[in-house]
Amino acid sequence: MPKKSSKPEKRAKSPRNAKNATRAKKTETKRKTVAVAATRKASKSVKKQADAAHKPAAAKVAAPRKPARSAPVPAPRRKVTPAAAPAPAAKATPPKAPAPRPQPPSVTPQPAQNGVDTRMHVKKPAPKLDFKTGEHIVYPAHGVGRIVGVESQEVAGLKLDLFVISFIKDKMTLRVPVAKATAVGMRKLADAPTVKRALETVRGRARIKRTMWSRRAQEYEAKINSGDLISIAEVVRDLYRSETQPEQSYSERQLYEAALDRMSREISSVNRISETEAVRQIEQNLAKSPRRGPKPEVVEPREEAA
């Protein structure tokens, strides 16, 4: 008897298995082809990017969109004129940097020799005094006063120089900082031409506005407290009433007396006369104003003899 071999016998391939093997072989071949194509495409794109990096980028011109297809319509031919060449753009000049400012040379302090400081201390210039001690001045809110002296006081850790002003008639003393004397409206006495102009203003025609008395009273108070001699003379002129005119109201009388007092005190200080004489001088000029003459005399009818 023949011996049996230990190796298994190869079975003959069925037609179904052969088809599957062929199909798998084709699929593998297709995969390899796709992988090779992808590798080639990637290498081409890398090469293009490298070339584009070395060459300058060209301006991209957008392609015009194709119009929708329609029936061909014969259009009239037009002459196309060449577009004018664009004017060359002006070269932008960069802004000039500002020249550096020269800085003052720094002074290094010298060390003290033998414990003595050799640096020179510069004193600040003292403020110029426009007013002198013993001089008569005009303060807007209080009228004529006299500077008694200048004193120094320490306020909130600061040293201030103050004018000491005395108002004898009001029995009041006022202290004004020297640096702010002009800012608050303090001034010297008016000169002779200004006094003459004020008396001419008093002789003028009264200019009374047709407004409510409360508003006019505010304007009169503002003029009195302004300290201006001409404005005060205007208040005296407008509020004066002669004997032939109706009497003043209480508030009008108060404003009139305040303005007359301010004006007479300044005129008496300028002309060096008493206040009574200054008031008399003002009233004489008021009597000369138009429509304010002396009171007409009343002639009594004579009794006929029986």
Protein backbone atom coordinates (compact mmCIF):
# COMPACT_ATOMS: atom_id res chain seq x y z
CA MET A 1 0.00 0.00 0.00
CA PRO A 2 1.28 3.47 -0.77
CA LYS A 3 2.26 5.76 2.15
CA LYS A 4 0.08 8.76 3.08
CA SER A 5 1.95 12.12 3.07
CA SER A 6 1.80 14.29 6.21
CA LYS A 7 1.28 17.57 4.20
CA PRO A 8 -2.30 18.51 3.59
CA GLU A 9 -3.35 18.41 0.05
CA LYS A 10 -3.97 21.72 -1.69
CA ARG A 11 -7.55 22.19 -2.47
CA ALA A 12 -8.41 23.42 -5.83
CA LYS A 13 -9.55 27.06 -5.86
CA SER A 14 -13.16 27.54 -6.49
CA PRO A 15 -14.21 30.15 -9.05
CA ARG A 16 -15.77 32.32 -6.27
CA ASN A 17 -12.51 32.59 -4.33
CA ALA A 18 -10.67 33.45 -7.51
CA LYS A 19 -13.02 36.38 -8.15
CA ASN A 20 -12.51 37.73 -4.63
CA ALA A 21 -8.73 37.53 -4.96
CA THR A 22 -8.81 39.38 -8.27
CA ARG A 23 -11.06 42.08 -6.82
CA ALA A 24 -8.77 42.58 -3.81
CA LYS A 25 -5.76 42.82 -6.08
CA LYS A 26 -7.44 45.53 -8.17
CA THR A 27 -8.43 47.51 -5.06
CA GLU A 28 -4.86 47.45 -3.74
CA THR A 29 -3.53 48.59 -7.10
CA LYS A 30 -6.03 51.47 -7.17
CA ARG A 31 -5.04 52.57 -3.66
CA LYS A 32 -1.38 52.66 -4.62
CA THR A 33 -2.19 54.71 -7.74
CA VAL A 34 -4.22 57.27 -5.71
CA ALA A 35 -1.42 57.56 -3.11
CA VAL A 36 1.19 58.14 -5.82
CA ALA A 37 -1.00 60.81 -7.48
CA ALA A 38 -1.55 62.58 -4.16
CA THR A 39 2.17 62.58 -3.43
CA ARG A 40 2.91 64.07 -6.86
CA LYS A 41 0.24 66.74 -6.41
CA ALA A 42 1.57 67.72 -2.96
CA SER A 43 5.11 68.02 -4.29
CA LYS A 44 3.91 70.22 -7.17
CA SER A 45 2.03 72.56 -4.78
CA VAL A 46 5.08 72.86 -2.52
CA LYS A 47 7.23 73.68 -5.54
CA LYS A 48 4.75 76.35 -6.71
CA GLN A 49 4.71 77.98 -3.26
CA ALA A 50 8.49 78.06 -3.20
CA ASP A 51 8.60 79.68 -6.65
CA ALA A 52 5.94 82.24 -5.67
CA ALA A 53 7.92 83.22 -2.56
CA HIS A 54 10.95 84.12 -4.70
CA LYS A 55 8.96 86.03 -7.38
CA PRO A 56 7.08 89.38 -6.62
CA ALA A 57 3.34 88.95 -6.24
CA ALA A 58 1.49 90.12 -9.32
CA ALA A 59 -1.67 92.19 -8.94
CA LYS A 60 -4.68 89.99 -9.21
CA VAL A 61 -7.25 91.22 -11.69
CA ALA A 62 -10.73 89.98 -11.04
CA ALA A 63 -12.19 88.39 -14.13
CA PRO A 64 -15.49 89.92 -15.18
CA ARG A 65 -18.50 87.80 -14.61
CA LYS A 66 -20.03 86.26 -17.68
CA PRO A 67 -23.46 87.72 -18.39
CA ALA A 68 -26.39 85.43 -18.55
CA ARG A 69 -27.01 83.93 -21.94
CA SER A 70 -29.68 85.74 -23.85
CA ALA A 71 -30.72 86.19 -27.38
CA PRO A 72 -28.00 87.97 -29.37
CA VAL A 73 -28.98 91.60 -29.92
CA PRO A 74 -26.96 93.57 -32.45
CA ALA A 75 -25.49 96.56 -30.57
CA PRO A 76 -24.23 99.70 -32.29
CA ARG A 77 -20.50 99.93 -32.45
CA ARG A 78 -18.95 102.73 -30.41
CA LYS A 79 -15.55 104.23 -30.73
CA VAL A 80 -13.44 103.32 -27.75
CA THR A 81 -11.16 106.14 -26.71
CA PRO A 82 -8.04 105.10 -24.83
CA ALA A 83 -8.16 106.03 -21.15
CA ALA A 84 -5.86 108.83 -20.09
CA ALA A 85 -2.81 107.75 -18.22
CA PRO A 86 -3.16 108.41 -14.45
CA ALA A 87 -1.17 111.35 -13.17
CA PRO A 88 1.89 110.38 -11.18
CA ALA A 89 1.15 110.44 -7.47
CA ALA A 90 2.98 113.10 -5.48
CA LYS A 91 5.70 111.74 -3.33
CA ALA A 92 4.73 111.89 0.30
CA THR A 93 7.36 113.72 2.23
CA PRO A 94 7.85 112.36 5.74
CA PRO A 95 7.14 114.94 8.50
CA LYS A 96 10.21 116.58 9.87
CA ALA A 97 10.97 115.74 13.43
CA PRO A 98 10.98 118.82 15.72
CA ALA A 99 14.38 120.03 16.63
CA PRO A 100 15.28 119.22 20.23
CA ARG A 101 15.08 122.22 22.53
CA PRO A 102 18.31 123.25 24.13
CA GLN A 103 18.28 122.38 27.78
CA PRO A 104 19.92 124.65 30.32
CA PRO A 105 23.12 123.28 31.72
CA SER A 106 22.59 121.46 34.96
CA VAL A 107 24.35 123.03 37.90
CA THR A 108 25.64 120.56 40.41
CA PRO A 109 25.64 121.87 43.97
CA GLN A 110 29.07 122.30 45.39
CA PRO A 111 29.78 120.54 48.66
CA ALA A 112 29.96 122.67 51.75
CA GLN A 113 33.42 123.68 52.83
CA ASN A 114 34.13 123.47 56.56
CA GLY A 115 30.40 123.04 57.21
CA VAL A 116 29.51 126.35 55.45
CA ASP A 117 27.11 126.30 52.47
CA THR A 118 28.66 128.29 49.60
CA ARG A 119 25.53 128.30 47.39
CA MET A 120 23.88 131.65 46.74
CA HIS A 121 20.20 131.83 47.72
CA VAL A 122 18.08 133.86 45.27
CA LYS A 123 15.29 135.82 46.94
CA LYS A 124 11.92 136.10 45.23
CA PRO A 125 11.05 139.65 44.17
CA ALA A 126 8.52 141.23 46.51
CA PRO A 127 5.16 142.20 44.90
CA LYS A 128 4.96 145.79 43.77
CA LEU A 129 2.67 147.85 46.00
CA ASP A 130 0.34 150.12 44.01
CA PHE A 131 -1.04 151.71 47.17
CA LYS A 132 0.79 153.50 49.95
CA THR A 133 0.16 153.70 53.68
CA GLY A 134 -1.97 156.72 54.61
CA GLU A 135 -3.49 156.97 51.14
CA HIS A 136 -7.24 157.24 50.53
CA ILE A 137 -8.66 154.54 48.27
CA VAL A 138 -12.06 153.41 46.99
CA TYR A 139 -13.29 149.92 47.82
CA PRO A 140 -16.29 148.95 45.60
CA ALA A 141 -18.58 147.61 48.32
CA HIS A 142 -17.79 150.20 51.03
CA GLY A 143 -16.70 153.40 49.31
CA VAL A 144 -13.83 155.66 50.37
CA GLY A 145 -11.42 154.35 53.00
CA ARG A 146 -7.89 155.02 54.25
CA ILE A 147 -4.98 152.57 54.29
CA VAL A 148 -3.71 152.46 57.86
CA GLY A 149 -0.82 150.07 57.23
CA VAL A 150 0.39 146.73 55.86
CA GLU A 151 0.63 143.68 58.12
CA SER A 152 1.65 140.05 57.64
CA GLN A 153 -0.43 137.10 58.78
CA GLU A 154 0.03 133.34 58.48
CA VAL A 155 -3.05 131.66 57.03
CA ALA A 156 -3.08 127.86 56.49
CA GLY A 157 0.70 127.76 56.69
CA LEU A 158 1.14 130.56 54.13
CA LYS A 159 2.43 134.03 54.89
CA LEU A 160 0.19 136.79 53.47
CA ASP A 161 0.71 140.55 53.31
CA LEU A 162 -2.54 142.43 53.99
CA PHE A 163 -3.65 146.02 53.54
CA VAL A 164 -5.41 147.34 56.66
CA ILE A 165 -8.15 149.73 55.50
CA SER A 166 -10.15 151.88 57.90
CA PHE A 167 -13.62 153.27 57.13
CA ILE A 168 -14.10 155.94 59.79
CA LYS A 169 -17.71 156.81 58.96
CA ASP A 170 -18.81 153.16 59.03
CA LYS A 171 -16.55 152.37 62.02
CA MET A 172 -15.15 149.37 60.18
CA THR A 173 -11.68 147.91 59.47
CA LEU A 174 -11.06 145.77 56.41
CA ARG A 175 -8.05 143.59 55.54
CA VAL A 176 -7.33 142.90 51.86
CA PRO A 177 -4.50 140.68 50.50
CA VAL A 178 -1.88 142.77 48.71
CA ALA A 179 -1.72 140.37 45.76
CA LYS A 180 -5.50 140.56 45.17
CA ALA A 181 -6.11 144.25 45.84
CA THR A 182 -6.51 145.14 42.16
CA ALA A 183 -8.48 141.97 41.38
CA VAL A 184 -11.21 142.79 43.93
CA GLY A 185 -11.71 146.24 42.38
CA MET A 186 -9.84 148.44 44.87
CA ARG A 187 -8.69 151.64 43.15
CA LYS A 188 -7.24 155.05 43.84
CA LEU A 189 -9.34 158.20 44.11
CA ALA A 190 -10.67 159.70 40.89
CA ASP A 191 -8.78 162.60 39.34
CA ALA A 192 -10.16 166.12 38.80
CA PRO A 193 -11.33 165.54 35.17
CA THR A 194 -13.33 162.48 36.28
CA VAL A 195 -15.01 164.50 39.06
CA LYS A 196 -15.90 167.22 36.56
CA ARG A 197 -17.38 164.61 34.21
CA ALA A 198 -19.44 163.13 37.07
CA LEU A 199 -20.92 166.55 37.88
CA GLU A 200 -21.77 167.01 34.18
CA THR A 201 -23.53 163.64 34.25
CA VAL A 202 -25.66 164.82 37.18
CA ARG A 203 -26.77 167.87 35.17
CA GLY A 204 -28.00 165.66 32.31
CA ARG A 205 -31.50 164.41 31.58
CA ALA A 206 -32.71 161.43 33.63
CA ARG A 207 -32.84 158.16 31.70
CA ILE A 208 -35.39 155.95 33.42
CA LYS A 209 -36.20 152.61 31.79
CA ARG A 210 -39.80 151.50 31.51
CA THR A 211 -39.32 148.26 33.40
CA MET A 212 -40.40 146.87 36.73
CA TRP A 213 -38.97 148.62 39.78
CA SER A 214 -37.41 145.40 41.15
CA ARG A 215 -35.27 145.04 38.03
CA ARG A 216 -34.29 148.71 38.02
CA ALA A 217 -33.39 148.51 41.73
CA GLN A 218 -31.02 145.61 41.01
CA GLU A 219 -29.33 147.63 38.26
CA TYR A 220 -28.95 150.65 40.57
CA GLU A 221 -27.42 148.51 43.33
CA ALA A 222 -24.96 146.99 40.86
CA LYS A 223 -23.89 150.47 39.73
CA ILE A 224 -23.42 151.68 43.32
CA ASN A 225 -21.33 148.63 44.28
CA SER A 226 -19.23 148.85 41.12
CA GLY A 227 -17.21 151.71 42.66
CA ASP A 228 -17.25 153.68 39.39
CA LEU A 229 -17.88 157.38 40.04
CA ILE A 230 -19.69 157.96 36.72
CA SER A 231 -22.07 155.02 37.32
CA ILE A 232 -22.86 156.32 40.81
CA ALA A 233 -23.55 159.79 39.34
CA GLU A 234 -26.04 158.18 36.91
CA VAL A 235 -27.95 156.66 39.85
CA VAL A 236 -28.06 160.05 41.62
CA ARG A 237 -29.33 161.71 38.43
CA ASP A 238 -32.08 159.12 37.78
CA LEU A 239 -33.42 158.93 41.37
CA TYR A 240 -33.36 162.65 42.20
CA ARG A 241 -36.76 164.32 42.66
CA SER A 242 -37.25 168.06 42.79
CA GLU A 243 -39.97 169.82 44.76
CA THR A 244 -42.19 170.04 41.68
CA GLN A 245 -42.00 166.27 41.07
CA PRO A 246 -43.75 163.47 42.98
CA GLU A 247 -41.99 162.20 46.08
CA GLN A 248 -39.75 159.16 46.08
CA SER A 249 -40.77 155.79 47.50
CA TYR A 250 -38.96 154.37 50.52
CA SER A 251 -36.70 152.03 48.47
CA GLU A 252 -35.95 154.79 45.96
CA ARG A 253 -34.99 157.13 48.77
CA GLN A 254 -32.64 154.54 50.29
CA LEU A 255 -30.82 153.93 46.99
CA TYR A 256 -30.62 157.66 46.30
CA GLU A 257 -29.08 158.43 49.70
CA ALA A 258 -26.56 155.56 49.35
CA ALA A 259 -25.44 156.80 45.92
CA LEU A 260 -25.30 160.43 47.09
CA ASP A 261 -23.20 159.43 50.12
CA ARG A 262 -20.68 157.49 47.99
CA MET A 263 -20.38 160.32 45.50
CA SER A 264 -20.06 163.11 48.07
CA ARG A 265 -17.38 161.25 50.08
CA GLU A 266 -15.18 160.76 47.01
CA ILE A 267 -15.62 164.35 45.80
CA SER A 268 -14.81 165.69 49.28
CA SER A 269 -11.63 163.56 49.41
CA VAL A 270 -10.52 164.67 45.93
CA ASN A 271 -11.30 168.40 46.35
CA ARG A 272 -10.36 168.33 50.09
CA ILE A 273 -13.63 169.84 51.24
CA SER A 274 -16.21 168.70 53.78
CA GLU A 275 -18.92 166.25 52.85
CA THR A 276 -21.62 168.88 53.47
CA GLU A 277 -20.04 171.18 50.90
CA ALA A 278 -19.73 168.26 48.44
CA VAL A 279 -23.45 167.44 48.87
CA ARG A 280 -24.37 171.09 48.32
CA GLN A 281 -22.25 171.15 45.15
CA ILE A 282 -23.99 168.03 43.81
CA GLU A 283 -27.47 169.38 44.56
CA GLN A 284 -26.67 172.65 42.80
CA ASN A 285 -25.76 170.72 39.66
CA LEU A 286 -28.92 168.62 40.00
CA ALA A 287 -31.04 171.79 40.08
CA LYS A 288 -29.55 172.81 36.71
CA SER A 289 -30.79 169.71 34.96
CA PRO A 290 -33.64 170.12 32.41
CA ARG A 291 -37.24 170.11 33.66
CA ARG A 292 -36.00 170.48 37.24
CA GLY A 293 -36.00 174.23 37.65
CA PRO A 294 -37.04 176.11 40.79
CA LYS A 295 -40.55 175.65 42.08
CA PRO A 296 -42.87 178.13 40.33
CA GLU A 297 -44.27 180.84 42.55
CA VAL A 298 -48.03 180.77 43.13
CA VAL A 299 -49.54 184.22 42.60
CA GLU A 300 -52.52 184.76 44.86
CA PRO A 301 -55.39 186.77 43.36
CA ARG A 302 -55.82 190.23 44.82
CA GLU A 303 -58.96 191.02 46.68
CA GLU A 304 -60.95 193.74 45.04
CA ALA A 305 -61.86 196.68 47.18
CA ALA A 306 -65.45 196.81 48.10
